[in-house]
Structure formats: structure tokens, C-alpha cells
Amino acid sequence: MRACGQLSPSGRVGTVLVATGPTFGERLKELREAAALSQYALAKKSGVSKQAISLLEKGESEPAWVTVRKLARALGISVSDFDVGNLPGEADNDDADPPKPAPKKKPPKK
């Protein structure tokens, strides 16, 4: 991840964290090529147009959830295989224990 300067509406410069991992489109292309499919073949197999696949791979479009599911099914993968990394502030520890629930508050004494 890298920091990037950005102007706020007030004209001040702030810091924004920008993910530097692969984009959805880059991951789609990687998975499509690993499956030895052309854009055209993936389009036929998934029911998603070749133009849409091209736009996704170039990062010029973001997919709807139904599109992600169609592409995953056609590639024979899980939708989680499209995961392109963690959001800013999330740790990369898939094997970590789930967070413990907050302790219950005791009711006030009467």
C-alpha cells in the first residue's frame, strides 16, 4: 500500500491510502489466462459479453456481483479466488482466530 496526496474540498492536502495489489481486472486476466481461455471463449462460457470482459480487464469497468458469479462459474473457481487483497487497515491473516465477542454488560443493580 502507498500513501497518496489528495486535495480535500477545503483545498488542504490529506493522505489517502491506496491499495497497490492487483485490481479485479488484472486478477480476472490472470485467472482467464491460467484457464487457457481467450476473452471470446470466456464470454461464450460465462454469458458475459467479450466487450464487458475486455473493459473489466482494462480496469475501465467494475463488475456487478452477478457478473463475478458468472465468471467464477465459467472459470471453475470460487468467487473468493477473485480476492485481490485486503482493504486498507485489514490484516492479512486468513488463518487467524475470529475476533472474540465483546463482553456482556451486567444489568444495573436495583
N, C-alpha and C. Protein backbone atom coordinates (compact mmCIF):
# COMPACT_ATOMS: atom_id res chain seq x y z
N MET A 1 0.84 -1.16 0.00
CA MET A 1 0.00 0.00 0.00
C MET A 1 0.89 1.23 0.00
N ARG A 2 0.44 2.30 -0.60
CA ARG A 2 1.24 3.51 -0.62
C ARG A 2 0.37 4.69 -0.24
N ALA A 3 0.99 5.74 0.26
CA ALA A 3 0.26 6.95 0.60
C ALA A 3 0.23 7.85 -0.62
N CYS A 4 -0.84 8.57 -0.77
CA CYS A 4 -1.02 9.42 -1.94
C CYS A 4 -1.64 10.74 -1.47
N GLY A 5 -1.09 11.86 -1.88
CA GLY A 5 -1.65 13.16 -1.52
C GLY A 5 -2.93 13.43 -2.30
N GLN A 6 -3.90 14.02 -1.63
CA GLN A 6 -5.17 14.32 -2.28
C GLN A 6 -5.71 15.63 -1.71
N LEU A 7 -6.26 16.47 -2.59
CA LEU A 7 -6.85 17.71 -2.14
C LEU A 7 -8.24 17.47 -1.60
N SER A 8 -8.52 18.03 -0.43
CA SER A 8 -9.86 17.94 0.13
C SER A 8 -10.69 19.09 -0.43
N PRO A 9 -12.02 19.07 -0.22
CA PRO A 9 -12.85 20.16 -0.72
C PRO A 9 -12.42 21.53 -0.18
N SER A 10 -11.78 21.54 0.99
CA SER A 10 -11.33 22.81 1.57
C SER A 10 -10.02 23.28 0.95
N GLY A 11 -9.41 22.46 0.08
CA GLY A 11 -8.17 22.84 -0.56
C GLY A 11 -6.93 22.35 0.17
N ARG A 12 -7.12 21.66 1.31
CA ARG A 12 -5.97 21.15 2.06
C ARG A 12 -5.56 19.80 1.50
N VAL A 13 -4.29 19.49 1.64
CA VAL A 13 -3.79 18.20 1.17
C VAL A 13 -3.89 17.21 2.32
N GLY A 14 -4.48 16.05 2.04
CA GLY A 14 -4.58 14.99 3.03
C GLY A 14 -3.88 13.75 2.50
N THR A 15 -3.81 12.73 3.31
CA THR A 15 -3.19 11.48 2.90
C THR A 15 -4.25 10.42 2.73
N VAL A 16 -4.19 9.72 1.65
CA VAL A 16 -5.12 8.65 1.34
C VAL A 16 -4.29 7.39 1.11
N LEU A 17 -4.72 6.27 1.70
CA LEU A 17 -4.04 5.01 1.44
C LEU A 17 -4.61 4.40 0.17
N VAL A 18 -3.75 3.98 -0.72
CA VAL A 18 -4.15 3.40 -1.99
C VAL A 18 -3.61 1.98 -2.06
N ALA A 19 -4.49 1.03 -2.30
CA ALA A 19 -4.05 -0.36 -2.43
C ALA A 19 -3.17 -0.51 -3.66
N THR A 20 -2.08 -1.26 -3.52
CA THR A 20 -1.17 -1.43 -4.65
C THR A 20 -1.18 -2.85 -5.19
N GLY A 21 -2.07 -3.69 -4.69
CA GLY A 21 -2.18 -5.06 -5.19
C GLY A 21 -2.87 -5.08 -6.53
N PRO A 22 -3.07 -6.28 -7.06
CA PRO A 22 -3.73 -6.38 -8.37
C PRO A 22 -5.18 -5.91 -8.31
N THR A 23 -5.64 -5.34 -9.40
CA THR A 23 -7.03 -4.92 -9.49
C THR A 23 -7.89 -6.13 -9.84
N PHE A 24 -9.20 -5.98 -9.78
CA PHE A 24 -10.08 -7.07 -10.17
C PHE A 24 -9.78 -7.48 -11.61
N GLY A 25 -9.62 -6.50 -12.48
CA GLY A 25 -9.37 -6.79 -13.89
C GLY A 25 -8.06 -7.54 -14.11
N GLU A 26 -7.02 -7.14 -13.39
CA GLU A 26 -5.74 -7.84 -13.51
C GLU A 26 -5.88 -9.28 -13.03
N ARG A 27 -6.63 -9.47 -11.94
CA ARG A 27 -6.84 -10.82 -11.41
C ARG A 27 -7.68 -11.65 -12.38
N LEU A 28 -8.71 -11.04 -12.97
CA LEU A 28 -9.54 -11.74 -13.95
C LEU A 28 -8.68 -12.22 -15.12
N LYS A 29 -7.84 -11.35 -15.64
CA LYS A 29 -6.98 -11.72 -16.77
C LYS A 29 -6.04 -12.85 -16.39
N GLU A 30 -5.46 -12.76 -15.20
CA GLU A 30 -4.55 -13.80 -14.71
C GLU A 30 -5.27 -15.15 -14.62
N LEU A 31 -6.49 -15.16 -14.06
CA LEU A 31 -7.25 -16.40 -13.91
C LEU A 31 -7.72 -16.93 -15.27
N ARG A 32 -8.11 -16.02 -16.16
CA ARG A 32 -8.55 -16.43 -17.51
C ARG A 32 -7.40 -17.08 -18.27
N GLU A 33 -6.23 -16.45 -18.21
CA GLU A 33 -5.06 -17.00 -18.91
C GLU A 33 -4.62 -18.33 -18.30
N ALA A 34 -4.74 -18.45 -16.97
CA ALA A 34 -4.39 -19.72 -16.31
C ALA A 34 -5.32 -20.84 -16.75
N ALA A 35 -6.56 -20.48 -17.10
CA ALA A 35 -7.53 -21.46 -17.59
C ALA A 35 -7.37 -21.68 -19.10
N ALA A 36 -6.41 -21.01 -19.71
CA ALA A 36 -6.14 -21.11 -21.15
C ALA A 36 -7.37 -20.76 -21.98
N LEU A 37 -8.04 -19.68 -21.58
CA LEU A 37 -9.22 -19.21 -22.31
C LEU A 37 -8.95 -17.83 -22.91
N SER A 38 -9.44 -17.61 -24.10
CA SER A 38 -9.41 -16.26 -24.68
C SER A 38 -10.58 -15.49 -24.09
N GLN A 39 -10.59 -14.18 -24.30
CA GLN A 39 -11.73 -13.38 -23.85
C GLN A 39 -13.01 -13.89 -24.52
N TYR A 40 -12.90 -14.23 -25.79
CA TYR A 40 -14.06 -14.71 -26.54
C TYR A 40 -14.58 -16.02 -25.94
N ALA A 41 -13.66 -16.95 -25.65
CA ALA A 41 -14.06 -18.24 -25.08
C ALA A 41 -14.70 -18.07 -23.70
N LEU A 42 -14.14 -17.18 -22.89
CA LEU A 42 -14.73 -16.93 -21.57
C LEU A 42 -16.10 -16.29 -21.70
N ALA A 43 -16.25 -15.41 -22.68
CA ALA A 43 -17.54 -14.77 -22.92
C ALA A 43 -18.60 -15.83 -23.27
N LYS A 44 -18.25 -16.73 -24.18
CA LYS A 44 -19.20 -17.78 -24.59
C LYS A 44 -19.55 -18.69 -23.41
N LYS A 45 -18.55 -19.02 -22.61
CA LYS A 45 -18.74 -19.95 -21.50
C LYS A 45 -19.51 -19.31 -20.34
N SER A 46 -19.34 -18.00 -20.13
CA SER A 46 -19.93 -17.33 -18.97
C SER A 46 -21.24 -16.62 -19.26
N GLY A 47 -21.46 -16.26 -20.52
CA GLY A 47 -22.63 -15.45 -20.83
C GLY A 47 -22.40 -13.97 -20.61
N VAL A 48 -21.16 -13.59 -20.30
CA VAL A 48 -20.78 -12.18 -20.14
C VAL A 48 -20.15 -11.77 -21.47
N SER A 49 -20.52 -10.61 -22.00
CA SER A 49 -20.02 -10.22 -23.33
C SER A 49 -18.50 -10.06 -23.34
N LYS A 50 -17.91 -10.29 -24.50
CA LYS A 50 -16.47 -10.10 -24.67
C LYS A 50 -16.09 -8.66 -24.38
N GLN A 51 -16.95 -7.73 -24.79
CA GLN A 51 -16.67 -6.31 -24.55
C GLN A 51 -16.62 -6.03 -23.05
N ALA A 52 -17.54 -6.63 -22.29
CA ALA A 52 -17.55 -6.42 -20.84
C ALA A 52 -16.29 -6.99 -20.21
N ILE A 53 -15.89 -8.18 -20.65
CA ILE A 53 -14.67 -8.79 -20.13
C ILE A 53 -13.46 -7.92 -20.44
N SER A 54 -13.39 -7.39 -21.64
CA SER A 54 -12.29 -6.51 -22.03
C SER A 54 -12.25 -5.26 -21.15
N LEU A 55 -13.40 -4.65 -20.93
CA LEU A 55 -13.47 -3.45 -20.08
C LEU A 55 -13.07 -3.76 -18.65
N LEU A 56 -13.49 -4.91 -18.14
CA LEU A 56 -13.12 -5.31 -16.78
C LEU A 56 -11.61 -5.49 -16.67
N GLU A 57 -11.03 -6.21 -17.62
CA GLU A 57 -9.60 -6.47 -17.58
C GLU A 57 -8.77 -5.20 -17.71
N LYS A 58 -9.25 -4.23 -18.43
CA LYS A 58 -8.54 -2.95 -18.59
C LYS A 58 -8.79 -2.01 -17.42
N GLY A 59 -9.67 -2.40 -16.50
CA GLY A 59 -9.97 -1.55 -15.35
C GLY A 59 -10.89 -0.40 -15.69
N GLU A 60 -11.58 -0.48 -16.81
CA GLU A 60 -12.47 0.60 -17.24
C GLU A 60 -13.90 0.38 -16.77
N SER A 61 -14.13 -0.74 -16.07
CA SER A 61 -15.45 -1.07 -15.57
C SER A 61 -15.31 -1.91 -14.32
N GLU A 62 -16.29 -1.84 -13.43
CA GLU A 62 -16.33 -2.68 -12.24
C GLU A 62 -17.51 -3.64 -12.41
N PRO A 63 -17.33 -4.89 -12.00
CA PRO A 63 -18.38 -5.88 -12.23
C PRO A 63 -19.51 -5.83 -11.21
N ALA A 64 -20.69 -6.20 -11.66
CA ALA A 64 -21.81 -6.43 -10.75
C ALA A 64 -21.57 -7.80 -10.12
N TRP A 65 -22.18 -8.04 -8.98
CA TRP A 65 -21.99 -9.31 -8.28
C TRP A 65 -22.38 -10.49 -9.17
N VAL A 66 -23.47 -10.37 -9.90
CA VAL A 66 -23.92 -11.47 -10.76
C VAL A 66 -22.86 -11.78 -11.83
N THR A 67 -22.17 -10.77 -12.30
CA THR A 67 -21.10 -10.95 -13.29
C THR A 67 -19.93 -11.71 -12.67
N VAL A 68 -19.57 -11.35 -11.45
CA VAL A 68 -18.48 -12.05 -10.75
C VAL A 68 -18.83 -13.53 -10.62
N ARG A 69 -20.08 -13.81 -10.26
CA ARG A 69 -20.51 -15.21 -10.09
C ARG A 69 -20.47 -15.97 -11.42
N LYS A 70 -20.92 -15.33 -12.50
CA LYS A 70 -20.89 -15.98 -13.82
C LYS A 70 -19.46 -16.28 -14.25
N LEU A 71 -18.57 -15.32 -14.04
CA LEU A 71 -17.17 -15.51 -14.43
C LEU A 71 -16.52 -16.61 -13.60
N ALA A 72 -16.78 -16.62 -12.30
CA ALA A 72 -16.21 -17.65 -11.43
C ALA A 72 -16.69 -19.04 -11.86
N ARG A 73 -17.98 -19.15 -12.12
CA ARG A 73 -18.54 -20.44 -12.54
C ARG A 73 -17.89 -20.91 -13.85
N ALA A 74 -17.74 -19.99 -14.79
CA ALA A 74 -17.15 -20.35 -16.09
C ALA A 74 -15.67 -20.74 -15.95
N LEU A 75 -14.98 -20.13 -15.01
CA LEU A 75 -13.57 -20.43 -14.80
C LEU A 75 -13.37 -21.64 -13.89
N GLY A 76 -14.45 -22.12 -13.29
CA GLY A 76 -14.35 -23.27 -12.39
C GLY A 76 -13.69 -22.95 -11.07
N ILE A 77 -13.91 -21.72 -10.60
CA ILE A 77 -13.29 -21.26 -9.36
C ILE A 77 -14.36 -20.72 -8.43
N SER A 78 -13.97 -20.42 -7.21
CA SER A 78 -14.84 -19.77 -6.24
C SER A 78 -14.75 -18.26 -6.43
N VAL A 79 -15.80 -17.54 -6.09
CA VAL A 79 -15.73 -16.07 -6.19
C VAL A 79 -14.63 -15.52 -5.30
N SER A 80 -14.30 -16.23 -4.22
CA SER A 80 -13.24 -15.75 -3.33
C SER A 80 -11.86 -15.80 -4.01
N ASP A 81 -11.74 -16.56 -5.09
CA ASP A 81 -10.48 -16.59 -5.83
C ASP A 81 -10.20 -15.27 -6.54
N PHE A 82 -11.21 -14.43 -6.66
CA PHE A 82 -11.01 -13.10 -7.25
C PHE A 82 -10.47 -12.11 -6.21
N ASP A 83 -10.41 -12.53 -4.95
CA ASP A 83 -9.97 -11.63 -3.88
C ASP A 83 -8.63 -11.02 -4.26
N VAL A 84 -8.59 -9.72 -4.31
CA VAL A 84 -7.38 -9.04 -4.75
C VAL A 84 -6.61 -8.42 -3.59
N GLY A 85 -6.93 -8.83 -2.38
CA GLY A 85 -6.20 -8.32 -1.23
C GLY A 85 -7.12 -7.70 -0.21
N ASN A 86 -6.50 -7.23 0.83
CA ASN A 86 -7.24 -6.64 1.92
C ASN A 86 -7.47 -5.16 1.70
N LEU A 87 -8.51 -4.68 2.32
CA LEU A 87 -8.78 -3.25 2.31
C LEU A 87 -7.80 -2.56 3.24
N PRO A 88 -7.60 -1.24 3.09
CA PRO A 88 -6.69 -0.54 3.99
C PRO A 88 -7.10 -0.78 5.44
N GLY A 89 -6.12 -1.13 6.27
CA GLY A 89 -6.38 -1.34 7.69
C GLY A 89 -6.68 -2.78 8.05
N GLU A 90 -6.91 -3.64 7.06
CA GLU A 90 -7.17 -5.05 7.35
C GLU A 90 -5.85 -5.81 7.35
N ALA A 91 -5.71 -6.69 8.31
CA ALA A 91 -4.51 -7.52 8.39
C ALA A 91 -4.64 -8.68 7.42
N ASP A 92 -3.53 -9.17 6.95
CA ASP A 92 -3.53 -10.33 6.06
C ASP A 92 -3.27 -11.58 6.88
N ASN A 93 -4.31 -12.02 7.59
CA ASN A 93 -4.17 -13.21 8.42
C ASN A 93 -5.43 -14.04 8.33
N ASP A 94 -5.58 -14.71 7.20
CA ASP A 94 -6.75 -15.55 6.96
C ASP A 94 -6.83 -16.70 7.95
N ASP A 95 -5.69 -17.12 8.50
CA ASP A 95 -5.67 -18.24 9.42
C ASP A 95 -5.86 -17.82 10.87
N ALA A 96 -5.99 -16.54 11.11
CA ALA A 96 -6.14 -16.04 12.48
C ALA A 96 -7.48 -16.45 13.06
N ASP A 97 -7.51 -16.53 14.37
CA ASP A 97 -8.76 -16.85 15.06
C ASP A 97 -9.74 -15.70 14.85
N PRO A 98 -11.05 -16.02 14.77
CA PRO A 98 -12.02 -14.94 14.63
C PRO A 98 -12.02 -14.08 15.88
N PRO A 99 -12.44 -12.82 15.74
CA PRO A 99 -12.44 -11.93 16.91
C PRO A 99 -13.40 -12.46 17.98
N LYS A 100 -13.02 -12.23 19.24
CA LYS A 100 -13.86 -12.67 20.35
C LYS A 100 -15.00 -11.66 20.53
N PRO A 101 -16.18 -12.15 20.91
CA PRO A 101 -17.29 -11.21 21.11
C PRO A 101 -17.01 -10.30 22.31
N ALA A 102 -17.58 -9.12 22.25
CA ALA A 102 -17.42 -8.17 23.35
C ALA A 102 -18.07 -8.73 24.60
N PRO A 103 -17.49 -8.46 25.77
CA PRO A 103 -18.10 -8.97 27.00
C PRO A 103 -19.49 -8.37 27.20
N LYS A 104 -20.37 -9.21 27.77
CA LYS A 104 -21.73 -8.73 28.02
C LYS A 104 -21.73 -7.77 29.19
N LYS A 105 -22.52 -6.72 29.07
CA LYS A 105 -22.64 -5.75 30.15
C LYS A 105 -23.58 -6.31 31.20
N LYS A 106 -23.21 -6.09 32.45
CA LYS A 106 -24.07 -6.54 33.54
C LYS A 106 -25.21 -5.55 33.68
N PRO A 107 -26.42 -6.04 33.95
CA PRO A 107 -27.54 -5.12 34.14
C PRO A 107 -27.30 -4.31 35.41
N PRO A 108 -27.79 -3.06 35.45
CA PRO A 108 -27.60 -2.23 36.64
C PRO A 108 -28.32 -2.84 37.84
N LYS A 109 -27.72 -2.67 39.02
CA LYS A 109 -28.33 -3.18 40.24
C LYS A 109 -29.48 -2.28 40.64
N LYS A 110 -30.52 -2.91 41.17
CA LYS A 110 -31.70 -2.14 41.59
C LYS A 110 -31.68 -1.81 43.04
